Amino acid sequence: MKENRDFRRLYNRGKSFVSPVLVTYVMKNRVKKHRVGITTSKKVGCAVRRNRSRRVIREAFRLLAPRLPEGAGNDFVFVARARTPYVKMDEVYRVMEQHLKKAGVLAQNERPVRP
């Protein structure tokens, strides 16, 4: 996702899940594909910290993506928090997995497929 209107629609109509590390917004879409957006504000820190936050969030989602159902399409927006650049990717992965399970997107009983 790249357009501002898509982000705004998700902020207004989507389900949100909050933790000190990550905020997740989820909503079904009509495209039948999963679309992802990542937001990092200047509150997160300098450019180096914002870029690290985006990399960590992107990698955590990449590892969870195979566990998402194929037929349904969802929009996801992940918002980095102030703690995001300071935690390991495993922590972001764990929090993201919890958020997606609460949203009903991931199956509750599946074990993570980690390399």
C-alpha atoms as a PDB file:
ATOM      1  CA  MET A   1       0.000   0.000   0.000  1.00  0.00           C
ATOM      2  CA  LYS A   2       1.317   3.399  -0.909  1.00  0.00           C
ATOM      3  CA  GLU A   3      -1.578   5.809  -1.158  1.00  0.00           C
ATOM      4  CA  ASN A   4      -2.630   8.013   1.728  1.00  0.00           C
ATOM      5  CA  ARG A   5      -6.335   7.243   1.234  1.00  0.00           C
ATOM      6  CA  ASP A   6      -5.678   3.517   1.753  1.00  0.00           C
ATOM      7  CA  PHE A   7      -3.872   4.201   5.024  1.00  0.00           C
ATOM      8  CA  ARG A   8      -6.613   6.577   6.210  1.00  0.00           C
ATOM      9  CA  ARG A   9      -9.377   4.091   5.385  1.00  0.00           C
ATOM     10  CA  LEU A  10      -7.589   1.430   7.373  1.00  0.00           C
ATOM     11  CA  TYR A  11      -7.037   3.755  10.343  1.00  0.00           C
ATOM     12  CA  ASN A  12     -10.737   4.660  10.405  1.00  0.00           C
ATOM     13  CA  ARG A  13     -12.412   1.336   9.613  1.00  0.00           C
ATOM     14  CA  GLY A  14      -9.891  -1.401  10.426  1.00  0.00           C
ATOM     15  CA  LYS A  15      -9.343  -3.333  13.626  1.00  0.00           C
ATOM     16  CA  SER A  16      -6.386  -2.096  15.639  1.00  0.00           C
ATOM     17  CA  PHE A  17      -4.126  -3.948  18.054  1.00  0.00           C
ATOM     18  CA  VAL A  18      -1.671  -2.065  20.250  1.00  0.00           C
ATOM     19  CA  SER A  19       1.490  -3.049  22.092  1.00  0.00           C
ATOM     20  CA  PRO A  20       4.526  -1.066  23.268  1.00  0.00           C
ATOM     21  CA  VAL A  21       6.495  -2.372  20.265  1.00  0.00           C
ATOM     22  CA  LEU A  22       3.983  -2.280  17.408  1.00  0.00           C
ATOM     23  CA  VAL A  23       0.516  -1.112  16.376  1.00  0.00           C
ATOM     24  CA  THR A  24      -1.302  -3.281  13.841  1.00  0.00           C
ATOM     25  CA  TYR A  25      -4.327  -2.354  11.717  1.00  0.00           C
ATOM     26  CA  VAL A  26      -6.142  -5.111   9.802  1.00  0.00           C
ATOM     27  CA  MET A  27      -9.075  -4.979   7.386  1.00  0.00           C
ATOM     28  CA  LYS A  28     -10.403  -7.211   4.609  1.00  0.00           C
ATOM     29  CA  ASN A  29     -10.047  -5.915   1.068  1.00  0.00           C
ATOM     30  CA  ARG A  30     -11.700  -6.752  -2.241  1.00  0.00           C
ATOM     31  CA  VAL A  31      -8.478  -7.307  -4.156  1.00  0.00           C
ATOM     32  CA  LYS A  32      -8.037 -10.895  -2.859  1.00  0.00           C
ATOM     33  CA  LYS A  33      -4.360 -10.132  -2.179  1.00  0.00           C
ATOM     34  CA  HIS A  34      -2.589  -9.178   0.997  1.00  0.00           C
ATOM     35  CA  ARG A  35      -1.354  -5.591   0.968  1.00  0.00           C
ATOM     36  CA  VAL A  36       1.077  -4.227   3.542  1.00  0.00           C
ATOM     37  CA  GLY A  37       1.964  -0.721   4.641  1.00  0.00           C
ATOM     38  CA  ILE A  38       4.565   0.294   7.223  1.00  0.00           C
ATOM     39  CA  THR A  39       4.580   3.654   8.985  1.00  0.00           C
ATOM     40  CA  THR A  40       7.368   5.134  11.073  1.00  0.00           C
ATOM     41  CA  SER A  41       7.064   8.665  12.367  1.00  0.00           C
ATOM     42  CA  LYS A  42       9.825  10.969  13.526  1.00  0.00           C
ATOM     43  CA  LYS A  43       8.883  10.089  17.097  1.00  0.00           C
ATOM     44  CA  VAL A  44      10.657   6.771  16.518  1.00  0.00           C
ATOM     45  CA  GLY A  45      13.989   8.548  16.105  1.00  0.00           C
ATOM     46  CA  CYS A  46      16.500   9.546  13.482  1.00  0.00           C
ATOM     47  CA  ALA A  47      16.528   8.089   9.959  1.00  0.00           C
ATOM     48  CA  VAL A  48      18.737   5.175  10.982  1.00  0.00           C
ATOM     49  CA  ARG A  49      16.271   4.071  13.681  1.00  0.00           C
ATOM     50  CA  ARG A  50      13.251   4.549  11.415  1.00  0.00           C
ATOM     51  CA  ASN A  51      14.886   2.452   8.682  1.00  0.00           C
ATOM     52  CA  ARG A  52      15.804  -0.287  11.169  1.00  0.00           C
ATOM     53  CA  SER A  53      12.220  -0.313  12.415  1.00  0.00           C
ATOM     54  CA  ARG A  54      10.924  -0.777   8.872  1.00  0.00           C
ATOM     55  CA  ARG A  55      13.428  -3.559   8.146  1.00  0.00           C
ATOM     56  CA  VAL A  56      12.535  -5.444  11.330  1.00  0.00           C
ATOM     57  CA  ILE A  57       8.786  -5.139  10.699  1.00  0.00           C
ATOM     58  CA  ARG A  58       9.171  -6.190   7.052  1.00  0.00           C
ATOM     59  CA  GLU A  59      11.221  -9.266   8.004  1.00  0.00           C
ATOM     60  CA  ALA A  60       8.762 -10.339  10.714  1.00  0.00           C
ATOM     61  CA  PHE A  61       5.884 -10.092   8.235  1.00  0.00           C
ATOM     62  CA  ARG A  62       7.866 -11.988   5.595  1.00  0.00           C
ATOM     63  CA  LEU A  63       8.227 -14.905   8.024  1.00  0.00           C
ATOM     64  CA  LEU A  64       4.517 -14.841   8.911  1.00  0.00           C
ATOM     65  CA  ALA A  65       3.224 -14.418   5.341  1.00  0.00           C
ATOM     66  CA  PRO A  66       3.218 -18.156   4.441  1.00  0.00           C
ATOM     67  CA  ARG A  67       0.792 -18.774   7.325  1.00  0.00           C
ATOM     68  CA  LEU A  68      -1.815 -16.338   5.956  1.00  0.00           C
ATOM     69  CA  PRO A  69      -4.752 -17.859   4.045  1.00  0.00           C
ATOM     70  CA  GLU A  70      -4.462 -17.659   0.256  1.00  0.00           C
ATOM     71  CA  GLY A  71      -8.037 -16.937  -0.839  1.00  0.00           C
ATOM     72  CA  ALA A  72      -8.834 -13.963   1.368  1.00  0.00           C
ATOM     73  CA  GLY A  73      -7.223 -10.590   0.901  1.00  0.00           C
ATOM     74  CA  ASN A  74      -6.363  -8.325   3.802  1.00  0.00           C
ATOM     75  CA  ASP A  75      -4.819  -4.906   4.216  1.00  0.00           C
ATOM     76  CA  PHE A  76      -2.250  -4.549   6.974  1.00  0.00           C
ATOM     77  CA  VAL A  77      -0.650  -1.400   8.331  1.00  0.00           C
ATOM     78  CA  PHE A  78       2.104  -1.726  10.900  1.00  0.00           C
ATOM     79  CA  VAL A  79       3.038   1.388  12.858  1.00  0.00           C
ATOM     80  CA  ALA A  80       6.420   1.441  14.578  1.00  0.00           C
ATOM     81  CA  ARG A  81       6.502   2.669  18.165  1.00  0.00           C
ATOM     82  CA  ALA A  82       9.342   4.324  20.080  1.00  0.00           C
ATOM     83  CA  ARG A  83      10.648   0.936  21.313  1.00  0.00           C
ATOM     84  CA  THR A  84      10.647  -0.758  17.904  1.00  0.00           C
ATOM     85  CA  PRO A  85      14.208   0.112  16.806  1.00  0.00           C
ATOM     86  CA  TYR A  86      15.624  -1.163  20.106  1.00  0.00           C
ATOM     87  CA  VAL A  87      14.104  -4.656  20.191  1.00  0.00           C
ATOM     88  CA  LYS A  88      15.175  -7.784  18.363  1.00  0.00           C
ATOM     89  CA  MET A  89      13.274  -9.068  15.355  1.00  0.00           C
ATOM     90  CA  ASP A  90      12.057 -12.074  17.388  1.00  0.00           C
ATOM     91  CA  GLU A  91      10.164  -9.734  19.726  1.00  0.00           C
ATOM     92  CA  VAL A  92       8.485  -7.944  16.801  1.00  0.00           C
ATOM     93  CA  TYR A  93       7.677 -11.345  15.250  1.00  0.00           C
ATOM     94  CA  ARG A  94       6.059 -12.545  18.493  1.00  0.00           C
ATOM     95  CA  VAL A  95       3.979  -9.371  18.913  1.00  0.00           C
ATOM     96  CA  MET A  96       2.910  -9.364  15.249  1.00  0.00           C
ATOM     97  CA  GLU A  97       1.902 -13.021  15.512  1.00  0.00           C
ATOM     98  CA  GLN A  98      -0.253 -12.248  18.572  1.00  0.00           C
ATOM     99  CA  HIS A  99      -1.923  -9.310  16.799  1.00  0.00           C
ATOM    100  CA  LEU A 100      -2.692 -11.321  13.675  1.00  0.00           C
ATOM    101  CA  LYS A 101      -4.107 -14.198  15.754  1.00  0.00           C
ATOM    102  CA  LYS A 102      -6.366 -11.788  17.647  1.00  0.00           C
ATOM    103  CA  ALA A 103      -7.522 -10.373  14.311  1.00  0.00           C
ATOM    104  CA  GLY A 104      -8.470 -13.883  13.192  1.00  0.00           C
ATOM    105  CA  VAL A 105      -6.108 -13.836  10.235  1.00  0.00           C
ATOM    106  CA  LEU A 106      -3.678 -16.496  11.504  1.00  0.00           C
ATOM    107  CA  ALA A 107      -4.822 -19.880  12.758  1.00  0.00           C
ATOM    108  CA  GLN A 108      -4.488 -20.212  16.537  1.00  0.00           C
ATOM    109  CA  ASN A 109      -2.905 -23.674  16.573  1.00  0.00           C
ATOM    110  CA  GLU A 110      -0.266 -23.335  13.858  1.00  0.00           C
ATOM    111  CA  ARG A 111       3.362 -23.467  14.881  1.00  0.00           C
ATOM    112  CA  PRO A 112       5.715 -20.869  13.444  1.00  0.00           C
ATOM    113  CA  VAL A 113       7.713 -21.831  10.393  1.00  0.00           C
ATOM    114  CA  ARG A 114      11.090 -20.322  11.188  1.00  0.00           C
ATOM    115  CA  PRO A 115      14.350 -21.012   9.361  1.00  0.00           C
END
